Amino acid sequence: MPYQYKTKGTCSQAITFDVKDDGTLTDVQFIGGCDGNTTGISSLVEGMKVDNVIQKLQGIRCGYKPTSCPDQLATALMKYKEHEARKHS
């Protein structure tokens, strides 16, 4: 089931993605933002494990901003993991 996260502090407005049963990230799409960059990010993380994506992208900044589209993807994935953990507890 696709998950959607409303971004904060970036040009993109939202990120949608799905996670397979084995924890692999699929179907990553940014709504808004710099098309070339967000398409590139989506392509690079496709098929990666959620935890690896978080580790690689968390904390990346965009210029003077305290966050970025990659950082927001990491945040979205952490929120996803929290949501899934609550569902299964």
PDB file of N, CA and C in Angstrom:
ATOM      1  N   MET A   1       0.845  -1.180   0.000  1.00  0.00           N
ATOM      2  CA  MET A   1       0.000   0.000   0.000  1.00  0.00           C
ATOM      3  C   MET A   1       0.890   1.242   0.000  1.00  0.00           C
ATOM      4  N   PRO A   2       0.707   2.151  -0.942  1.00  0.00           N
ATOM      5  CA  PRO A   2       1.530   3.354  -0.992  1.00  0.00           C
ATOM      6  C   PRO A   2       1.373   4.213   0.260  1.00  0.00           C
ATOM      7  N   TYR A   3       2.461   4.820   0.655  1.00  0.00           N
ATOM      8  CA  TYR A   3       2.509   5.701   1.816  1.00  0.00           C
ATOM      9  C   TYR A   3       2.819   7.098   1.301  1.00  0.00           C
ATOM     10  N   GLN A   4       2.184   8.129   1.878  1.00  0.00           N
ATOM     11  CA  GLN A   4       2.459   9.502   1.466  1.00  0.00           C
ATOM     12  C   GLN A   4       2.881  10.315   2.677  1.00  0.00           C
ATOM     13  N   TYR A   5       3.903  11.131   2.471  1.00  0.00           N
ATOM     14  CA  TYR A   5       4.431  12.004   3.514  1.00  0.00           C
ATOM     15  C   TYR A   5       4.445  13.433   2.981  1.00  0.00           C
ATOM     16  N   LYS A   6       3.871  14.352   3.750  1.00  0.00           N
ATOM     17  CA  LYS A   6       3.875  15.774   3.383  1.00  0.00           C
ATOM     18  C   LYS A   6       5.182  16.373   3.868  1.00  0.00           C
ATOM     19  N   THR A   7       5.996  16.853   2.943  1.00  0.00           N
ATOM     20  CA  THR A   7       7.314  17.382   3.286  1.00  0.00           C
ATOM     21  C   THR A   7       7.213  18.738   3.974  1.00  0.00           C
ATOM     22  N   LYS A   8       8.301  19.088   4.671  1.00  0.00           N
ATOM     23  CA  LYS A   8       8.381  20.369   5.379  1.00  0.00           C
ATOM     24  C   LYS A   8       9.726  21.014   5.068  1.00  0.00           C
ATOM     25  N   GLY A   9       9.701  22.288   4.651  1.00  0.00           N
ATOM     26  CA  GLY A   9      10.934  23.033   4.440  1.00  0.00           C
ATOM     27  C   GLY A   9      11.645  22.790   3.130  1.00  0.00           C
ATOM     28  N   THR A  10      10.963  22.187   2.158  1.00  0.00           N
ATOM     29  CA  THR A  10      11.581  21.926   0.852  1.00  0.00           C
ATOM     30  C   THR A  10      10.673  22.406  -0.273  1.00  0.00           C
ATOM     31  N   CYS A  11      11.213  22.431  -1.468  1.00  0.00           N
ATOM     32  CA  CYS A  11      10.426  22.804  -2.649  1.00  0.00           C
ATOM     33  C   CYS A  11       9.378  21.741  -2.984  1.00  0.00           C
ATOM     34  N   SER A  12       9.705  20.482  -2.697  1.00  0.00           N
ATOM     35  CA  SER A  12       8.715  19.426  -2.941  1.00  0.00           C
ATOM     36  C   SER A  12       7.623  19.524  -1.881  1.00  0.00           C
ATOM     37  N   GLN A  13       6.417  19.131  -2.268  1.00  0.00           N
ATOM     38  CA  GLN A  13       5.290  19.203  -1.344  1.00  0.00           C
ATOM     39  C   GLN A  13       5.009  17.881  -0.633  1.00  0.00           C
ATOM     40  N   ALA A  14       5.359  16.782  -1.274  1.00  0.00           N
ATOM     41  CA  ALA A  14       5.066  15.468  -0.700  1.00  0.00           C
ATOM     42  C   ALA A  14       5.936  14.414  -1.373  1.00  0.00           C
ATOM     43  N   ILE A  15       6.003  13.259  -0.707  1.00  0.00           N
ATOM     44  CA  ILE A  15       6.718  12.108  -1.249  1.00  0.00           C
ATOM     45  C   ILE A  15       5.804  10.905  -1.088  1.00  0.00           C
ATOM     46  N   THR A  16       5.677  10.107  -2.136  1.00  0.00           N
ATOM     47  CA  THR A  16       4.946   8.849  -2.036  1.00  0.00           C
ATOM     48  C   THR A  16       5.926   7.708  -2.298  1.00  0.00           C
ATOM     49  N   PHE A  17       5.675   6.589  -1.648  1.00  0.00           N
ATOM     50  CA  PHE A  17       6.543   5.424  -1.821  1.00  0.00           C
ATOM     51  C   PHE A  17       5.818   4.188  -1.322  1.00  0.00           C
ATOM     52  N   ASP A  18       6.391   3.044  -1.634  1.00  0.00           N
ATOM     53  CA  ASP A  18       5.883   1.778  -1.137  1.00  0.00           C
ATOM     54  C   ASP A  18       7.078   0.994  -0.613  1.00  0.00           C
ATOM     55  N   VAL A  19       6.808   0.081   0.291  1.00  0.00           N
ATOM     56  CA  VAL A  19       7.850  -0.765   0.852  1.00  0.00           C
ATOM     57  C   VAL A  19       7.380  -2.213   0.726  1.00  0.00           C
ATOM     58  N   LYS A  20       8.226  -3.038   0.111  1.00  0.00           N
ATOM     59  CA  LYS A  20       7.908  -4.461  -0.018  1.00  0.00           C
ATOM     60  C   LYS A  20       8.031  -5.141   1.344  1.00  0.00           C
ATOM     61  N   ASP A  21       7.518  -6.342   1.437  1.00  0.00           N
ATOM     62  CA  ASP A  21       7.562  -7.105   2.688  1.00  0.00           C
ATOM     63  C   ASP A  21       8.983  -7.311   3.213  1.00  0.00           C
ATOM     64  N   ASP A  22       9.958  -7.329   2.314  1.00  0.00           N
ATOM     65  CA  ASP A  22      11.350  -7.542   2.738  1.00  0.00           C
ATOM     66  C   ASP A  22      12.053  -6.243   3.124  1.00  0.00           C
ATOM     67  N   GLY A  23      11.305  -5.115   3.186  1.00  0.00           N
ATOM     68  CA  GLY A  23      11.889  -3.842   3.593  1.00  0.00           C
ATOM     69  C   GLY A  23      12.552  -3.071   2.468  1.00  0.00           C
ATOM     70  N   THR A  24      12.276  -3.468   1.226  1.00  0.00           N
ATOM     71  CA  THR A  24      12.850  -2.819   0.056  1.00  0.00           C
ATOM     72  C   THR A  24      11.951  -1.676  -0.404  1.00  0.00           C
ATOM     73  N   LEU A  25      12.552  -0.537  -0.680  1.00  0.00           N
ATOM     74  CA  LEU A  25      11.831   0.659  -1.104  1.00  0.00           C
ATOM     75  C   LEU A  25      11.505   0.595  -2.591  1.00  0.00           C
ATOM     76  N   THR A  26      10.257   0.932  -2.942  1.00  0.00           N
ATOM     77  CA  THR A  26       9.831   0.946  -4.343  1.00  0.00           C
ATOM     78  C   THR A  26       8.932   2.145  -4.611  1.00  0.00           C
ATOM     79  N   ASP A  27       8.764   2.451  -5.869  1.00  0.00           N
ATOM     80  CA  ASP A  27       7.806   3.456  -6.345  1.00  0.00           C
ATOM     81  C   ASP A  27       7.943   4.812  -5.650  1.00  0.00           C
ATOM     82  N   VAL A  28       9.161   5.296  -5.484  1.00  0.00           N
ATOM     83  CA  VAL A  28       9.398   6.594  -4.845  1.00  0.00           C
ATOM     84  C   VAL A  28       9.097   7.707  -5.839  1.00  0.00           C
ATOM     85  N   GLN A  29       8.226   8.633  -5.433  1.00  0.00           N
ATOM     86  CA  GLN A  29       7.883   9.769  -6.278  1.00  0.00           C
ATOM     87  C   GLN A  29       7.789  11.019  -5.418  1.00  0.00           C
ATOM     88  N   PHE A  30       8.446  12.071  -5.864  1.00  0.00           N
ATOM     89  CA  PHE A  30       8.353  13.376  -5.219  1.00  0.00           C
ATOM     90  C   PHE A  30       7.308  14.189  -5.953  1.00  0.00           C
ATOM     91  N   ILE A  31       6.481  14.899  -5.225  1.00  0.00           N
ATOM     92  CA  ILE A  31       5.513  15.814  -5.814  1.00  0.00           C
ATOM     93  C   ILE A  31       6.106  17.203  -5.661  1.00  0.00           C
ATOM     94  N   GLY A  32       6.426  17.824  -6.789  1.00  0.00           N
ATOM     95  CA  GLY A  32       7.085  19.129  -6.777  1.00  0.00           C
ATOM     96  C   GLY A  32       8.587  18.967  -6.614  1.00  0.00           C
ATOM     97  N   GLY A  33       9.255  20.082  -6.413  1.00  0.00           N
ATOM     98  CA  GLY A  33      10.701  20.062  -6.260  1.00  0.00           C
ATOM     99  C   GLY A  33      11.405  20.127  -7.604  1.00  0.00           C
ATOM    100  N   CYS A  34      12.722  20.034  -7.570  1.00  0.00           N
ATOM    101  CA  CYS A  34      13.557  20.070  -8.779  1.00  0.00           C
ATOM    102  C   CYS A  34      13.481  18.711  -9.464  1.00  0.00           C
ATOM    103  N   ASP A  35      12.835  18.663 -10.601  1.00  0.00           N
ATOM    104  CA  ASP A  35      12.532  17.388 -11.255  1.00  0.00           C
ATOM    105  C   ASP A  35      13.763  16.512 -11.468  1.00  0.00           C
ATOM    106  N   GLY A  36      14.832  17.075 -11.952  1.00  0.00           N
ATOM    107  CA  GLY A  36      16.033  16.275 -12.205  1.00  0.00           C
ATOM    108  C   GLY A  36      16.581  15.670 -10.923  1.00  0.00           C
ATOM    109  N   ASN A  37      16.662  16.473  -9.875  1.00  0.00           N
ATOM    110  CA  ASN A  37      17.194  15.978  -8.606  1.00  0.00           C
ATOM    111  C   ASN A  37      16.288  14.938  -7.962  1.00  0.00           C
ATOM    112  N   THR A  38      15.003  15.217  -7.924  1.00  0.00           N
ATOM    113  CA  THR A  38      14.099  14.276  -7.260  1.00  0.00           C
ATOM    114  C   THR A  38      13.947  12.986  -8.059  1.00  0.00           C
ATOM    115  N   THR A  39      13.983  13.072  -9.383  1.00  0.00           N
ATOM    116  CA  THR A  39      13.949  11.862 -10.204  1.00  0.00           C
ATOM    117  C   THR A  39      15.213  11.049  -9.973  1.00  0.00           C
ATOM    118  N   GLY A  40      16.343  11.735  -9.865  1.00  0.00           N
ATOM    119  CA  GLY A  40      17.607  11.053  -9.595  1.00  0.00           C
ATOM    120  C   GLY A  40      17.608  10.358  -8.247  1.00  0.00           C
ATOM    121  N   ILE A  41      17.128  11.038  -7.220  1.00  0.00           N
ATOM    122  CA  ILE A  41      17.042  10.437  -5.886  1.00  0.00           C
ATOM    123  C   ILE A  41      16.162   9.195  -5.938  1.00  0.00           C
ATOM    124  N   SER A  42      14.997   9.337  -6.560  1.00  0.00           N
ATOM    125  CA  SER A  42      14.059   8.213  -6.663  1.00  0.00           C
ATOM    126  C   SER A  42      14.703   7.013  -7.338  1.00  0.00           C
ATOM    127  N   SER A  43      15.405   7.261  -8.419  1.00  0.00           N
ATOM    128  CA  SER A  43      16.056   6.183  -9.164  1.00  0.00           C
ATOM    129  C   SER A  43      17.159   5.522  -8.341  1.00  0.00           C
ATOM    130  N   LEU A  44      17.932   6.322  -7.635  1.00  0.00           N
ATOM    131  CA  LEU A  44      19.043   5.778  -6.846  1.00  0.00           C
ATOM    132  C   LEU A  44      18.586   4.917  -5.675  1.00  0.00           C
ATOM    133  N   VAL A  45      17.485   5.281  -5.036  1.00  0.00           N
ATOM    134  CA  VAL A  45      17.053   4.542  -3.840  1.00  0.00           C
ATOM    135  C   VAL A  45      16.135   3.367  -4.169  1.00  0.00           C
ATOM    136  N   GLU A  46      15.652   3.302  -5.387  1.00  0.00           N
ATOM    137  CA  GLU A  46      14.770   2.204  -5.808  1.00  0.00           C
ATOM    138  C   GLU A  46      15.449   0.861  -5.552  1.00  0.00           C
ATOM    139  N   GLY A  47      14.801  -0.009  -4.807  1.00  0.00           N
ATOM    140  CA  GLY A  47      15.333  -1.341  -4.536  1.00  0.00           C
ATOM    141  C   GLY A  47      16.244  -1.423  -3.316  1.00  0.00           C
ATOM    142  N   MET A  48      16.518  -0.279  -2.682  1.00  0.00           N
ATOM    143  CA  MET A  48      17.363  -0.283  -1.479  1.00  0.00           C
ATOM    144  C   MET A  48      16.522  -0.602  -0.243  1.00  0.00           C
ATOM    145  N   LYS A  49      17.172  -1.096   0.789  1.00  0.00           N
ATOM    146  CA  LYS A  49      16.513  -1.329   2.070  1.00  0.00           C
ATOM    147  C   LYS A  49      16.250   0.020   2.734  1.00  0.00           C
ATOM    148  N   VAL A  50      15.107   0.127   3.393  1.00  0.00           N
ATOM    149  CA  VAL A  50      14.690   1.366   4.041  1.00  0.00           C
ATOM    150  C   VAL A  50      15.767   1.889   4.992  1.00  0.00           C
ATOM    151  N   ASP A  51      16.324   1.030   5.829  1.00  0.00           N
ATOM    152  CA  ASP A  51      17.327   1.472   6.796  1.00  0.00           C
ATOM    153  C   ASP A  51      18.577   2.028   6.112  1.00  0.00           C
ATOM    154  N   ASN A  52      18.976   1.453   4.989  1.00  0.00           N
ATOM    155  CA  ASN A  52      20.143   1.955   4.248  1.00  0.00           C
ATOM    156  C   ASN A  52      19.873   3.341   3.671  1.00  0.00           C
ATOM    157  N   VAL A  53      18.661   3.553   3.174  1.00  0.00           N
ATOM    158  CA  VAL A  53      18.295   4.861   2.615  1.00  0.00           C
ATOM    159  C   VAL A  53      18.324   5.913   3.720  1.00  0.00           C
ATOM    160  N   ILE A  54      17.751   5.594   4.867  1.00  0.00           N
ATOM    161  CA  ILE A  54      17.753   6.534   5.991  1.00  0.00           C
ATOM    162  C   ILE A  54      19.193   6.892   6.354  1.00  0.00           C
ATOM    163  N   GLN A  55      20.031   5.892   6.489  1.00  0.00           N
ATOM    164  CA  GLN A  55      21.426   6.102   6.882  1.00  0.00           C
ATOM    165  C   GLN A  55      22.160   7.015   5.890  1.00  0.00           C
ATOM    166  N   LYS A  56      21.922   6.834   4.601  1.00  0.00           N
ATOM    167  CA  LYS A  56      22.636   7.607   3.587  1.00  0.00           C
ATOM    168  C   LYS A  56      22.103   9.030   3.419  1.00  0.00           C
ATOM    169  N   LEU A  57      20.801   9.239   3.614  1.00  0.00           N
ATOM    170  CA  LEU A  57      20.203  10.528   3.272  1.00  0.00           C
ATOM    171  C   LEU A  57      19.916  11.438   4.463  1.00  0.00           C
ATOM    172  N   GLN A  58      19.808  10.884   5.643  1.00  0.00           N
ATOM    173  CA  GLN A  58      19.457  11.682   6.816  1.00  0.00           C
ATOM    174  C   GLN A  58      20.506  12.762   7.072  1.00  0.00           C
ATOM    175  N   GLY A  59      20.040  13.983   7.267  1.00  0.00           N
ATOM    176  CA  GLY A  59      20.924  15.088   7.622  1.00  0.00           C
ATOM    177  C   GLY A  59      21.454  15.895   6.450  1.00  0.00           C
ATOM    178  N   ILE A  60      21.170  15.485   5.214  1.00  0.00           N
ATOM    179  CA  ILE A  60      21.617  16.262   4.054  1.00  0.00           C
ATOM    180  C   ILE A  60      20.836  17.577   4.024  1.00  0.00           C
ATOM    181  N   ARG A  61      21.555  18.656   3.822  1.00  0.00           N
ATOM    182  CA  ARG A  61      20.926  19.977   3.793  1.00  0.00           C
ATOM    183  C   ARG A  61      20.929  20.536   2.376  1.00  0.00           C
ATOM    184  N   CYS A  62      20.020  21.443   2.116  1.00  0.00           N
ATOM    185  CA  CYS A  62      19.939  22.137   0.825  1.00  0.00           C
ATOM    186  C   CYS A  62      20.306  23.595   1.079  1.00  0.00           C
ATOM    187  N   GLY A  63      21.531  23.962   0.730  1.00  0.00           N
ATOM    188  CA  GLY A  63      21.978  25.343   0.936  1.00  0.00           C
ATOM    189  C   GLY A  63      21.863  25.747   2.393  1.00  0.00           C
ATOM    190  N   TYR A  64      21.182  26.844   2.650  1.00  0.00           N
ATOM    191  CA  TYR A  64      21.008  27.367   4.000  1.00  0.00           C
ATOM    192  C   TYR A  64      19.863  26.700   4.763  1.00  0.00           C
ATOM    193  N   LYS A  65      19.074  25.897   4.094  1.00  0.00           N
ATOM    194  CA  LYS A  65      17.918  25.247   4.730  1.00  0.00           C
ATOM    195  C   LYS A  65      18.387  24.139   5.674  1.00  0.00           C
ATOM    196  N   PRO A  66      17.640  23.888   6.735  1.00  0.00           N
ATOM    197  CA  PRO A  66      18.031  22.828   7.673  1.00  0.00           C
ATOM    198  C   PRO A  66      17.675  21.421   7.187  1.00  0.00           C
ATOM    199  N   THR A  67      17.088  21.313   6.003  1.00  0.00           N
ATOM    200  CA  THR A  67      16.676  20.024   5.458  1.00  0.00           C
ATOM    201  C   THR A  67      16.845  20.048   3.939  1.00  0.00           C
ATOM    202  N   SER A  68      16.441  18.975   3.288  1.00  0.00           N
ATOM    203  CA  SER A  68      16.507  18.859   1.827  1.00  0.00           C
ATOM    204  C   SER A  68      15.515  17.798   1.405  1.00  0.00           C
ATOM    205  N   CYS A  69      15.343  17.627   0.109  1.00  0.00           N
ATOM    206  CA  CYS A  69      14.471  16.551  -0.365  1.00  0.00           C
ATOM    207  C   CYS A  69      14.994  15.175   0.056  1.00  0.00           C
ATOM    208  N   PRO A  70      16.309  14.895  -0.057  1.00  0.00           N
ATOM    209  CA  PRO A  70      16.794  13.604   0.424  1.00  0.00           C
ATOM    210  C   PRO A  70      16.558  13.425   1.934  1.00  0.00           C
ATOM    211  N   ASP A  71      16.807  14.473   2.708  1.00  0.00           N
ATOM    212  CA  ASP A  71      16.584  14.407   4.155  1.00  0.00           C
ATOM    213  C   ASP A  71      15.105  14.181   4.467  1.00  0.00           C
ATOM    214  N   GLN A  72      14.233  14.806   3.702  1.00  0.00           N
ATOM    215  CA  GLN A  72      12.801  14.607   3.918  1.00  0.00           C
ATOM    216  C   GLN A  72      12.381  13.182   3.575  1.00  0.00           C
ATOM    217  N   LEU A  73      13.023  12.566   2.590  1.00  0.00           N
ATOM    218  CA  LEU A  73      12.744  11.165   2.302  1.00  0.00           C
ATOM    219  C   LEU A  73      13.159  10.305   3.492  1.00  0.00           C
ATOM    220  N   ALA A  74      14.322  10.583   4.063  1.00  0.00           N
ATOM    221  CA  ALA A  74      14.764   9.843   5.250  1.00  0.00           C
ATOM    222  C   ALA A  74      13.762  10.018   6.392  1.00  0.00           C
ATOM    223  N   THR A  75      13.287  11.238   6.587  1.00  0.00           N
ATOM    224  CA  THR A  75      12.289  11.507   7.632  1.00  0.00           C
ATOM    225  C   THR A  75      11.003  10.745   7.353  1.00  0.00           C
ATOM    226  N   ALA A  76      10.565  10.749   6.095  1.00  0.00           N
ATOM    227  CA  ALA A  76       9.349  10.021   5.714  1.00  0.00           C
ATOM    228  C   ALA A  76       9.497   8.535   6.017  1.00  0.00           C
ATOM    229  N   LEU A  77      10.667   7.982   5.736  1.00  0.00           N
ATOM    230  CA  LEU A  77      10.889   6.557   5.985  1.00  0.00           C
ATOM    231  C   LEU A  77      10.927   6.247   7.477  1.00  0.00           C
ATOM    232  N   MET A  78      11.473   7.152   8.270  1.00  0.00           N
ATOM    233  CA  MET A  78      11.462   6.951   9.731  1.00  0.00           C
ATOM    234  C   MET A  78      10.034   6.989  10.264  1.00  0.00           C
ATOM    235  N   LYS A  79       9.224   7.923   9.751  1.00  0.00           N
ATOM    236  CA  LYS A  79       7.806   8.002  10.153  1.00  0.00           C
ATOM    237  C   LYS A  79       7.077   6.726   9.727  1.00  0.00           C
ATOM    238  N   TYR A  80       7.381   6.242   8.542  1.00  0.00           N
ATOM    239  CA  TYR A  80       6.795   5.001   8.065  1.00  0.00           C
ATOM    240  C   TYR A  80       7.122   3.857   9.025  1.00  0.00           C
ATOM    241  N   LYS A  81       8.391   3.745   9.416  1.00  0.00           N
ATOM    242  CA  LYS A  81       8.805   2.680  10.330  1.00  0.00           C
ATOM    243  C   LYS A  81       8.092   2.794  11.676  1.00  0.00           C
ATOM    244  N   GLU A  82       7.940   4.011  12.193  1.00  0.00           N
ATOM    245  CA  GLU A  82       7.216   4.227  13.454  1.00  0.00           C
ATOM    246  C   GLU A  82       5.771   3.775  13.313  1.00  0.00           C
ATOM    247  N   HIS A  83       5.149   4.150  12.210  1.00  0.00           N
ATOM    248  CA  HIS A  83       3.753   3.774  11.940  1.00  0.00           C
ATOM    249  C   HIS A  83       3.589   2.252  11.887  1.00  0.00           C
ATOM    250  N   GLU A  84       4.500   1.599  11.186  1.00  0.00           N
ATOM    251  CA  GLU A  84       4.442   0.141  11.062  1.00  0.00           C
ATOM    252  C   GLU A  84       4.673  -0.541  12.415  1.00  0.00           C
ATOM    253  N   ALA A  85       5.589  -0.010  13.213  1.00  0.00           N
ATOM    254  CA  ALA A  85       5.863  -0.595  14.533  1.00  0.00           C
ATOM    255  C   ALA A  85       4.636  -0.487  15.435  1.00  0.00           C
ATOM    256  N   ARG A  86       3.929   0.637  15.380  1.00  0.00           N
ATOM    257  CA  ARG A  86       2.707   0.818  16.181  1.00  0.00           C
ATOM    258  C   ARG A  86       1.618  -0.149  15.735  1.00  0.00           C
ATOM    259  N   LYS A  87       1.526  -0.377  14.406  1.00  0.00           N
ATOM    260  CA  LYS A  87       0.530  -1.297  13.871  1.00  0.00           C
ATOM    261  C   LYS A  87       0.739  -2.714  14.367  1.00  0.00           C
ATOM    262  N   HIS A  88       1.984  -3.093  14.570  1.00  0.00           N
ATOM    263  CA  HIS A  88       2.321  -4.468  14.908  1.00  0.00           C
ATOM    264  C   HIS A  88       2.581  -4.671  16.399  1.00  0.00           C
ATOM    265  N   SER A  89       2.290  -3.660  17.216  1.00  0.00           N
ATOM    266  CA  SER A  89       2.514  -3.845  18.655  1.00  0.00           C
ATOM    267  C   SER A  89       1.221  -3.977  19.417  1.00  0.00           C
TER     268      SER A  89
END
